[in-house]
């Protein structure tokens, strides 16, 4: 692929549109960045390594992503010199760079931050640049202050990120130079060793993704909604508006009441949209398959459309069945505006397959954190009939979650679950899991039982991952004419 002749977008533009990328796509881009850095570093050996002028900044603004019919390319631009007051650029710099130490491990740190952002949709530290002077030392002080807190695992923001990737990314962005990968080659080797499904080409920086098979459709064994903490209102809605009509089709057809075809769950990340969908399948005893954007990706022209057809054929053969489409905004993006023709064709294929699929024993569940990005046609009658807002857990749900995550651990007698729920308003399930794990880790260091103080301290140092402003935006969708 000739990058000079192929139109592309900066990674920052891509992230503004999608917020975060499917993990397989992020891996391809990340490997392109690291291959580029390998060339920049040349034959680096341990020891002093200096640049007279830092010729490139590793940030989403200076990474260009090229899309072609059958491959994805990455280019790391030289960019402009770092300006003293450029706070955004400096937030990607390694700690040692501020002390005039410039090593390949510093580029590893910056590249690790970019990878974290692609997967999590945010940086691992929240920088407070409010009321800040243009003094470079003041900027550096704010950055160092933010980085005193340990970064959260990427999986806290994206439950499709596994522990292996968590470990690699956290090592790459370690503020301790000795704990970090020392070269881009080390970072790349770590990714290659655990991701056999992603291959890299030896020439240039163009990368290709191997074809992946669709996930298997099968029945989920479990206790259904009995294993869902809280969410009482949501479970009642699903039971009366979806499960009863599906289980009693003849009765509903007698009264000429429409049997639902599909369901859209939307709301902040970490609120249990995926989990409630899995438990829904157990509750209704249908075959179930969970589909992510990467499952449908194909290096071949029209390959994705063929996979969509295959998905629905298997669902018909194994009906009654549920197709759960995660990150539906990435699979069915709005066709308005600048959307590549091949993407529009894929959206058309999916919508055609979804239409009245309940007649073939198929029920569709879709989930998104960004409902404004999906194609409006998905909400047409006969495709997705029910739209449900999955809000952050309420008071009672938070009590149940603290009980669930603390179960089986050594607890002090002073644990007050009501107080914990009161302190954790607007915290989502992944936040509560993180709080319990951090409190447990702190108690382990002291070789004592987990106490109320341990939990309270972590809560006070851990803001909710979803802001009040974000919640207000989701509630606005709930109250709007389209999203009810």
Protein backbone atom coordinates (compact mmCIF):
# COMPACT_ATOMS: atom_id res chain seq x y z
CA UNK A 1 0.00 0.00 0.00
CA UNK A 2 1.32 3.45 -0.91
CA UNK A 3 0.66 5.68 2.07
CA UNK A 4 1.38 8.83 0.02
CA UNK A 5 -1.54 8.11 -2.29
CA UNK A 6 -3.97 6.71 0.30
CA UNK A 7 -6.22 9.08 2.26
CA UNK A 8 -6.08 8.65 6.00
CA UNK A 9 -7.11 10.22 9.28
CA UNK A 10 -5.21 10.97 12.42
CA UNK A 11 -5.80 8.60 15.29
CA UNK A 12 -7.17 11.51 17.33
CA UNK A 13 -9.87 12.08 14.68
CA UNK A 14 -10.71 8.38 14.72
CA UNK A 15 -10.97 8.37 18.52
CA UNK A 16 -13.16 11.48 18.51
CA UNK A 17 -15.58 9.57 16.29
CA UNK A 18 -15.43 6.16 17.98
CA UNK A 19 -14.04 7.06 21.45
CA UNK A 20 -12.30 3.68 21.58
CA UNK A 21 -11.43 0.99 19.07
CA UNK A 22 -12.11 -2.75 18.91
CA UNK A 23 -9.18 -4.50 20.57
CA UNK A 24 -8.02 -6.35 17.44
CA UNK A 25 -7.99 -3.10 15.47
CA UNK A 26 -6.13 -1.30 18.27
CA UNK A 27 -3.55 -4.11 18.28
CA UNK A 28 -2.93 -3.72 14.56
CA UNK A 29 -2.42 0.03 14.92
CA UNK A 30 -0.23 -0.41 17.99
CA UNK A 31 2.02 -2.89 16.22
CA UNK A 32 2.38 -0.42 13.35
CA UNK A 33 3.51 2.25 15.82
CA UNK A 34 6.04 -0.10 17.45
CA UNK A 35 7.43 -1.28 14.10
CA UNK A 36 7.95 2.38 13.20
CA UNK A 37 9.69 3.04 16.52
CA UNK A 38 11.99 0.05 16.00
CA UNK A 39 13.31 1.77 12.88
CA UNK A 40 13.62 5.11 14.70
CA UNK A 41 15.60 3.54 17.50
CA UNK A 42 17.86 1.69 15.11
CA UNK A 43 20.42 -0.52 16.78
CA UNK A 44 19.97 0.92 20.25
CA UNK A 45 21.94 -0.79 22.99
CA UNK A 46 21.61 -0.16 26.72
CA UNK A 47 23.38 3.05 27.64
CA UNK A 48 23.16 6.77 26.82
CA UNK A 49 20.90 7.60 23.90
CA UNK A 50 20.17 11.21 23.07
CA UNK A 51 18.37 13.19 20.38
CA UNK A 52 19.45 16.73 19.72
CA UNK A 53 15.81 17.64 19.07
CA UNK A 54 12.84 15.41 19.78
CA UNK A 55 11.66 15.07 16.18
CA UNK A 56 8.31 13.43 16.84
CA UNK A 57 5.65 13.30 19.52
CA UNK A 58 3.96 9.97 20.04
CA UNK A 59 0.36 11.02 20.50
CA UNK A 60 -2.89 10.40 18.60
CA UNK A 61 -2.43 13.78 16.87
CA UNK A 62 0.72 12.57 15.10
CA UNK A 63 -0.38 9.05 14.18
CA UNK A 64 -2.11 8.62 10.83
CA UNK A 65 -4.28 5.58 10.12
CA UNK A 66 -4.89 4.49 6.54
CA UNK A 67 -7.80 2.30 5.51
CA UNK A 68 -7.77 0.40 2.24
CA UNK A 69 -10.06 -2.34 0.94
CA UNK A 70 -8.02 -5.15 2.45
CA UNK A 71 -5.55 -3.73 4.92
CA UNK A 72 -4.82 -1.14 7.56
CA UNK A 73 -1.69 1.01 7.59
CA UNK A 74 -0.12 3.23 10.22
CA UNK A 75 2.27 6.19 9.90
CA UNK A 76 3.96 8.02 12.76
CA UNK A 77 4.41 11.64 11.71
CA UNK A 78 7.37 13.79 12.71
CA UNK A 79 5.06 16.56 13.82
CA UNK A 80 6.13 19.85 15.35
CA UNK A 81 8.61 20.41 18.18
CA UNK A 82 7.05 20.20 21.63
CA UNK A 83 6.00 23.65 22.76
CA UNK A 84 6.62 24.55 26.39
CA UNK A 85 2.94 25.26 26.97
CA UNK A 86 1.58 22.29 24.97
CA UNK A 87 -0.15 20.51 27.84
CA UNK A 88 -1.83 17.87 25.68
CA UNK A 89 1.44 16.76 24.10
CA UNK A 90 3.29 16.74 27.41
CA UNK A 91 0.70 14.44 28.96
CA UNK A 92 2.07 11.69 26.66
CA UNK A 93 5.72 12.17 27.71
CA UNK A 94 7.55 9.78 30.02
CA UNK A 95 8.49 10.90 33.55
CA UNK A 96 12.21 10.84 32.83
CA UNK A 97 11.83 13.11 29.80
CA UNK A 98 11.07 16.01 32.15
CA UNK A 99 14.53 15.50 33.63
CA UNK A 100 16.21 15.65 30.18
CA UNK A 101 16.65 11.87 29.99
CA UNK A 102 15.62 10.70 26.53
CA UNK A 103 15.58 6.91 26.06
CA UNK A 104 13.74 4.44 23.81
CA UNK A 105 11.89 3.37 26.97
CA UNK A 106 10.38 6.87 26.97
CA UNK A 107 8.90 6.20 23.55
CA UNK A 108 7.58 2.89 24.89
CA UNK A 109 5.81 4.84 27.64
CA UNK A 110 4.21 7.25 25.14
CA UNK A 111 3.18 4.42 22.81
CA UNK A 112 1.72 2.56 25.79
CA UNK A 113 -0.43 5.57 26.65
CA UNK A 114 -1.72 5.69 23.08
CA UNK A 115 -2.56 1.98 23.24
CA UNK A 116 -4.34 2.46 26.58
CA UNK A 117 -6.40 5.30 25.09
CA UNK A 118 -7.36 3.26 22.01
CA UNK A 119 -8.70 0.44 24.19
CA UNK A 120 -10.07 2.33 27.22
CA UNK A 121 -11.29 5.53 25.55
CA UNK A 122 -9.33 7.69 28.01
CA UNK A 123 -5.86 8.13 29.48
CA UNK A 124 -4.89 6.22 32.64
CA UNK A 125 -4.50 9.45 34.61
CA UNK A 126 -6.80 12.46 34.77
CA UNK A 127 -4.78 15.67 34.60
CA UNK A 128 -5.99 18.83 36.33
CA UNK A 129 -4.84 21.66 34.06
CA UNK A 130 -7.44 24.14 35.34
CA UNK A 131 -6.23 27.62 36.36
CA UNK A 132 -2.76 26.70 35.13
CA UNK A 133 -0.02 29.15 34.24
CA UNK A 134 2.12 28.69 31.11
CA UNK A 135 5.13 27.86 33.26
CA UNK A 136 6.55 24.51 31.99
CA UNK A 137 7.49 23.54 35.54
CA UNK A 138 3.91 24.10 36.67
CA UNK A 139 2.65 21.82 33.87
CA UNK A 140 5.19 19.15 34.82
CA UNK A 141 4.17 19.40 38.48
CA UNK A 142 0.51 18.80 37.62
CA UNK A 143 1.42 15.80 35.47
CA UNK A 144 3.58 14.27 38.20
CA UNK A 145 0.84 14.86 40.79
CA UNK A 146 -1.70 12.98 38.67
CA UNK A 147 0.68 10.08 38.08
CA UNK A 148 1.21 9.46 41.78
CA UNK A 149 -1.98 7.40 41.70
CA UNK A 150 -1.67 3.89 40.24
CA UNK A 151 -3.29 3.63 36.80
CA UNK A 152 -6.42 1.58 36.53
CA UNK A 153 -6.36 -1.53 34.38
CA UNK A 154 -7.69 -0.89 30.86
CA UNK A 155 -10.24 -3.65 31.53
CA UNK A 156 -11.87 -1.39 34.16
CA UNK A 157 -13.00 0.77 31.24
CA UNK A 158 -13.44 -1.99 28.66
CA UNK A 159 -14.53 -5.45 29.78
CA UNK A 160 -13.35 -6.92 26.46
CA UNK A 161 -9.73 -6.32 27.50
CA UNK A 162 -8.23 -9.42 29.14
CA UNK A 163 -5.75 -9.74 32.00
CA UNK A 164 -2.89 -10.50 29.62
CA UNK A 165 -3.29 -7.18 27.83
CA UNK A 166 -3.76 -5.39 31.15
CA UNK A 167 -0.40 -6.70 32.31
CA UNK A 168 1.41 -5.70 29.11
CA UNK A 169 -0.06 -2.20 28.94
CA UNK A 170 0.52 -1.45 32.63
CA UNK A 171 4.13 -2.51 32.26
CA UNK A 172 4.57 -0.29 29.19
CA UNK A 173 3.24 2.77 31.06
CA UNK A 174 5.04 2.11 34.33
CA UNK A 175 6.39 5.34 35.80
CA UNK A 176 9.29 3.25 37.12
CA UNK A 177 11.81 3.12 34.27
CA UNK A 178 13.30 -0.17 35.47
CA UNK A 179 9.89 -1.90 35.39
CA UNK A 180 9.07 -0.73 31.86
CA UNK A 181 9.85 -2.38 28.52
CA UNK A 182 13.17 -0.87 27.46
CA UNK A 183 12.61 -0.92 23.70
CA UNK A 184 9.80 -0.99 21.18
CA UNK A 185 11.02 -4.48 20.20
CA UNK A 186 10.42 -5.72 23.77
CA UNK A 187 6.91 -4.25 23.76
CA UNK A 188 6.15 -5.75 20.35
CA UNK A 189 7.47 -9.19 21.37
CA UNK A 190 5.18 -9.19 24.41
CA UNK A 191 2.17 -8.47 22.20
CA UNK A 192 3.17 -11.08 19.61
CA UNK A 193 3.69 -13.85 22.15
CA UNK A 194 0.09 -13.77 23.35
CA UNK A 195 -1.77 -12.77 20.20
CA UNK A 196 -1.25 -15.49 17.58
CA UNK A 197 -4.39 -14.34 15.74
CA UNK A 198 -2.72 -11.07 14.76
CA UNK A 199 0.13 -11.26 12.26
CA UNK A 200 2.53 -8.54 11.12
CA UNK A 201 4.24 -8.12 7.78
CA UNK A 202 8.00 -7.85 7.81
CA UNK A 203 8.11 -5.18 5.07
CA UNK A 204 7.05 -1.60 5.74
CA UNK A 205 4.56 -0.79 8.48
CA UNK A 206 1.44 -2.12 6.82
CA UNK A 207 -0.34 -4.73 8.92
CA UNK A 208 -2.98 -7.35 8.09
CA UNK A 209 -5.43 -9.13 10.30
CA UNK A 210 -6.04 -12.84 9.92
CA UNK A 211 -9.57 -13.99 9.38
CA UNK A 212 -11.27 -14.99 12.60
CA UNK A 213 -14.10 -17.47 12.92
CA UNK A 214 -17.48 -16.44 14.22
CA UNK A 215 -18.12 -17.32 17.88
CA UNK A 216 -20.18 -20.43 18.53
CA UNK A 217 -23.87 -20.25 19.35
CA UNK A 218 -24.76 -22.26 22.43
CA UNK A 219 -27.07 -22.38 25.43
CA UNK A 220 -25.86 -20.62 28.54
CA UNK A 221 -26.19 -22.55 31.78
CA UNK A 222 -26.87 -20.55 34.92
CA UNK A 223 -29.49 -19.08 37.22
CA UNK A 224 -30.60 -16.26 34.96
CA UNK A 225 -31.75 -13.05 36.62
CA UNK A 226 -31.24 -14.56 40.08
CA UNK A 227 -27.52 -13.90 39.63
CA UNK A 228 -27.98 -10.23 38.67
CA UNK A 229 -27.33 -7.86 41.58
CA UNK A 230 -29.96 -5.13 41.74
CA UNK A 231 -31.40 -3.88 38.44
CA UNK A 232 -34.91 -4.68 39.73
CA UNK A 233 -36.68 -2.21 37.43
CA UNK A 234 -34.70 -3.35 34.38
CA UNK A 235 -35.37 -7.02 35.08
CA UNK A 236 -39.10 -6.36 35.47
CA UNK A 237 -39.15 -4.42 32.19
CA UNK A 238 -37.36 -7.21 30.35
CA UNK A 239 -39.61 -9.87 31.86
CA UNK A 240 -42.95 -8.19 31.08
CA UNK A 241 -42.07 -6.47 27.78
CA UNK A 242 -39.80 -9.07 26.19
CA UNK A 243 -39.68 -12.47 27.90
CA UNK A 244 -43.45 -12.97 28.32
CA UNK A 245 -44.23 -12.08 24.67
CA UNK A 246 -41.48 -14.41 23.45
CA UNK A 247 -42.61 -17.29 25.69
CA UNK A 248 -46.32 -16.81 24.98
CA UNK A 249 -46.31 -15.93 21.28
CA UNK A 250 -49.66 -17.59 20.52
CA UNK A 251 -51.44 -15.57 23.21
CA UNK A 252 -49.94 -12.29 22.00
CA UNK A 253 -50.73 -13.11 18.38
CA UNK A 254 -54.34 -13.89 19.35
CA UNK A 255 -54.67 -10.34 20.65
CA UNK A 256 -52.64 -9.09 17.66
CA UNK A 257 -50.03 -7.66 20.00
CA UNK A 258 -46.64 -7.43 18.32
CA UNK A 259 -43.97 -9.85 19.49
CA UNK A 260 -40.69 -7.94 19.93
CA UNK A 261 -37.97 -8.38 17.33
CA UNK A 262 -35.06 -6.75 19.10
CA UNK A 263 -33.81 -4.75 22.07
CA UNK A 264 -31.30 -1.91 22.41
CA UNK A 265 -29.50 -1.49 25.74
CA UNK A 266 -27.62 1.77 26.09
CA UNK A 267 -25.85 3.51 28.94
CA UNK A 268 -22.43 4.16 30.50
CA UNK A 269 -19.70 1.50 30.25
CA UNK A 270 -19.39 -0.85 33.19
CA UNK A 271 -23.11 -0.91 34.06
CA UNK A 272 -23.67 -4.56 33.09
CA UNK A 273 -25.21 -4.43 29.60
CA UNK A 274 -23.25 -7.49 28.48
CA UNK A 275 -23.86 -9.35 31.72
CA UNK A 276 -27.63 -8.73 31.78
CA UNK A 277 -27.81 -9.95 28.15
CA UNK A 278 -26.09 -13.22 29.04
CA UNK A 279 -28.41 -13.72 32.01
CA UNK A 280 -31.38 -12.86 29.81
CA UNK A 281 -30.44 -15.80 27.55
CA UNK A 282 -30.28 -18.09 30.59
CA UNK A 283 -33.63 -16.81 31.86
CA UNK A 284 -35.40 -17.51 28.58
CA UNK A 285 -33.37 -20.68 27.77
CA UNK A 286 -32.47 -19.66 24.21
CA UNK A 287 -29.29 -20.42 22.28
CA UNK A 288 -26.98 -17.42 22.59
CA UNK A 289 -24.09 -15.90 20.65
CA UNK A 290 -22.19 -12.73 21.50
CA UNK A 291 -20.77 -10.81 18.54
CA UNK A 292 -18.15 -8.05 18.70
CA UNK A 293 -17.03 -5.82 15.80
CA UNK A 294 -13.76 -7.74 15.49
CA UNK A 295 -15.69 -11.01 15.00
CA UNK A 296 -17.18 -9.66 11.77
CA UNK A 297 -14.04 -7.96 10.45
CA UNK A 298 -12.66 -9.35 7.20
CA UNK A 299 -9.65 -8.59 5.04
CA UNK A 300 -11.70 -9.49 1.96
CA UNK A 301 -14.04 -7.29 -0.04
CA UNK A 302 -17.61 -8.19 0.97
CA UNK A 303 -16.16 -10.62 3.53
CA UNK A 304 -17.99 -8.92 6.40
CA UNK A 305 -21.31 -9.16 4.56
CA UNK A 306 -20.73 -12.89 4.09
CA UNK A 307 -20.04 -13.28 7.81
CA UNK A 308 -23.26 -11.43 8.66
CA UNK A 309 -25.21 -13.82 6.45
CA UNK A 310 -23.47 -16.81 8.06
CA UNK A 311 -24.33 -15.48 11.54
CA UNK A 312 -28.05 -15.25 10.81
CA UNK A 313 -28.14 -18.61 8.98
CA UNK A 314 -26.76 -20.36 12.06
CA UNK A 315 -29.19 -18.46 14.30
CA UNK A 316 -32.11 -19.68 12.17
CA UNK A 317 -30.82 -23.26 12.22
CA UNK A 318 -30.50 -23.20 16.03
CA UNK A 319 -33.63 -21.18 16.79
CA UNK A 320 -34.97 -20.09 19.15
CA UNK A 321 -31.82 -18.05 19.49
CA UNK A 322 -30.45 -14.71 20.64
CA UNK A 323 -27.85 -12.70 18.76
CA UNK A 324 -26.18 -10.23 21.12
CA UNK A 325 -24.41 -7.45 19.20
CA UNK A 326 -21.92 -5.64 21.42
CA UNK A 327 -20.63 -2.16 20.51
CA UNK A 328 -23.38 -1.88 17.93
CA UNK A 329 -22.32 1.71 17.15
CA UNK A 330 -19.16 0.25 15.56
CA UNK A 331 -21.03 -2.46 13.62
CA UNK A 332 -24.00 -0.32 12.59
CA UNK A 333 -22.67 3.27 12.43
CA UNK A 334 -24.85 5.98 10.99
CA UNK A 335 -24.69 6.08 7.18
CA UNK A 336 -25.12 9.83 7.21
CA UNK A 337 -22.01 11.88 6.50
CA UNK A 338 -18.62 10.46 5.47
CA UNK A 339 -18.98 6.68 5.63
CA UNK A 340 -17.04 4.45 3.29
CA UNK A 341 -19.21 2.67 0.73
CA UNK A 342 -18.17 -0.76 2.00
CA UNK A 343 -19.29 0.19 5.52
CA UNK A 344 -22.66 1.37 4.20
CA UNK A 345 -23.11 -1.95 2.41
CA UNK A 346 -22.40 -3.84 5.61
CA UNK A 347 -24.95 -1.75 7.52
CA UNK A 348 -27.52 -2.42 4.78
CA UNK A 349 -26.84 -6.17 4.97
CA UNK A 350 -27.23 -6.24 8.75
CA UNK A 351 -30.45 -4.24 8.68
CA UNK A 352 -31.91 -6.51 6.01
CA UNK A 353 -31.09 -9.61 8.07
CA UNK A 354 -32.52 -8.07 11.26
CA UNK A 355 -35.86 -7.12 9.73
CA UNK A 356 -38.66 -9.31 11.14
CA UNK A 357 -36.10 -11.95 12.18
CA UNK A 358 -38.41 -12.91 15.08
CA UNK A 359 -40.45 -14.81 12.47
CA UNK A 360 -37.48 -17.19 12.23
CA UNK A 361 -37.08 -17.60 15.99
CA UNK A 362 -34.31 -15.01 16.34
CA UNK A 363 -34.24 -12.25 18.96
CA UNK A 364 -31.69 -9.43 18.64
CA UNK A 365 -30.08 -7.68 21.61
CA UNK A 366 -27.83 -4.72 20.84
CA UNK A 367 -25.70 -2.74 23.30
CA UNK A 368 -23.88 0.57 23.02
CA UNK A 369 -22.24 3.26 25.12
CA UNK A 370 -22.83 5.78 22.33
CA UNK A 371 -26.46 5.60 21.14
CA UNK A 372 -26.11 8.81 19.12
CA UNK A 373 -23.61 7.08 16.80
CA UNK A 374 -25.80 4.19 15.63
CA UNK A 375 -27.74 4.27 12.39
CA UNK A 376 -31.28 5.57 13.09
CA UNK A 377 -32.71 2.84 10.85
CA UNK A 378 -31.94 0.27 13.53
CA UNK A 379 -34.86 1.66 15.56
CA UNK A 380 -37.41 1.05 12.86
CA UNK A 381 -40.36 -1.14 13.85
CA UNK A 382 -39.54 -4.75 13.08
CA UNK A 383 -35.83 -4.38 13.92
CA UNK A 384 -35.35 -3.01 17.42
CA UNK A 385 -38.70 -2.56 19.12
CA UNK A 386 -37.56 -1.83 22.66
CA UNK A 387 -34.97 0.71 23.81
CA UNK A 388 -33.81 0.49 27.44
CA UNK A 389 -31.48 2.74 29.39
CA UNK A 390 -29.14 0.73 31.64
CA UNK A 391 -28.27 3.29 34.29
CA UNK A 392 -25.56 3.14 36.95
CA UNK A 393 -26.54 0.79 39.80
CA UNK A 394 -28.93 2.26 42.35
CA UNK A 395 -28.47 2.21 46.13
CA UNK A 396 -29.77 -1.34 46.63
CA UNK A 397 -27.79 -2.64 43.66
CA UNK A 398 -24.57 -1.14 45.04
CA UNK A 399 -25.17 -2.87 48.38
CA UNK A 400 -25.57 -6.20 46.56
CA UNK A 401 -22.43 -5.57 44.49
CA UNK A 402 -20.29 -4.81 47.53
CA UNK A 403 -21.62 -8.00 49.15
CA UNK A 404 -20.93 -9.98 45.99
CA UNK A 405 -17.35 -8.75 45.47
CA UNK A 406 -16.44 -9.00 49.17
CA UNK A 407 -17.84 -12.52 49.52
CA UNK A 408 -15.27 -15.07 50.62
CA UNK A 409 -12.69 -12.47 51.72
CA UNK A 410 -11.52 -11.86 55.31
CA UNK A 411 -13.78 -9.06 56.54
CA UNK A 412 -13.71 -6.90 59.66
CA UNK A 413 -16.93 -6.77 61.66
CA UNK A 414 -17.28 -3.00 61.06
CA UNK A 415 -18.27 -3.29 57.38
CA UNK A 416 -21.34 -1.08 56.81
CA UNK A 417 -22.80 -1.94 53.40
CA UNK A 418 -25.42 0.82 53.53
CA UNK A 419 -22.69 3.40 54.15
CA UNK A 420 -20.57 2.01 51.31
CA UNK A 421 -23.52 2.29 48.95
CA UNK A 422 -24.11 5.86 50.13
CA UNK A 423 -20.46 6.79 49.45
CA UNK A 424 -20.44 5.23 45.99
CA UNK A 425 -23.27 7.06 44.23
CA UNK A 426 -22.80 7.02 40.42
CA UNK A 427 -20.14 4.30 40.69
CA UNK A 428 -20.65 1.50 38.17
CA UNK A 429 -20.06 -2.21 38.68
CA UNK A 430 -16.46 -2.14 37.40
CA UNK A 431 -15.69 0.78 39.77
CA UNK A 432 -17.00 -1.18 42.77
CA UNK A 433 -15.00 -4.25 41.75
CA UNK A 434 -11.87 -2.07 41.52
CA UNK A 435 -12.55 -0.53 44.95
CA UNK A 436 -12.92 -3.94 46.60
CA UNK A 437 -9.78 -5.30 44.93
CA UNK A 438 -7.69 -2.25 45.94
CA UNK A 439 -8.99 -2.35 49.53
CA UNK A 440 -8.20 -6.08 49.68
CA UNK A 441 -4.69 -5.44 48.38
CA UNK A 442 -4.11 -2.76 51.03
CA UNK A 443 -5.40 -5.04 53.80
CA UNK A 444 -3.13 -7.82 52.55
CA UNK A 445 -0.10 -5.54 52.87
CA UNK A 446 -1.09 -4.93 56.51
CA UNK A 447 -1.91 -8.64 57.07
CA UNK A 448 -5.30 -7.74 58.52
CA UNK A 449 -8.99 -8.10 57.74
CA UNK A 450 -10.58 -5.80 55.16
CA UNK A 451 -12.20 -2.98 57.13
CA UNK A 452 -14.59 -0.14 56.44
CA UNK A 453 -11.61 2.23 56.57
CA UNK A 454 -9.80 0.36 53.80
CA UNK A 455 -12.84 0.63 51.54
CA UNK A 456 -13.60 4.24 52.48
CA UNK A 457 -10.02 5.29 51.70
CA UNK A 458 -10.08 3.73 48.22
CA UNK A 459 -13.47 5.32 47.48
CA UNK A 460 -12.18 8.75 48.50
CA UNK A 461 -9.18 8.36 46.15
CA UNK A 462 -11.12 6.84 43.25
CA UNK A 463 -13.61 9.05 41.39
CA UNK A 464 -16.39 7.29 39.48
CA UNK A 465 -15.41 6.40 35.91
CA UNK A 466 -18.64 7.99 34.67
CA UNK A 467 -19.09 11.71 35.31
CA UNK A 468 -22.37 13.36 36.28
CA UNK A 469 -22.30 15.22 32.96
CA UNK A 470 -22.13 11.91 31.06
CA UNK A 471 -25.03 10.53 33.09
CA UNK A 472 -27.06 13.65 32.28
CA UNK A 473 -26.39 13.09 28.57
CA UNK A 474 -27.62 9.50 28.78
CA UNK A 475 -30.70 10.63 30.69
CA UNK A 476 -31.35 13.21 27.97
CA UNK A 477 -31.43 10.36 25.45
CA UNK A 478 -33.81 8.47 27.69
CA UNK A 479 -36.13 11.45 27.84
CA UNK A 480 -35.87 12.31 24.14
CA UNK A 481 -38.40 11.51 21.44
CA UNK A 482 -36.33 8.63 20.00
CA UNK A 483 -34.73 7.01 23.04
CA UNK A 484 -37.38 6.19 25.61
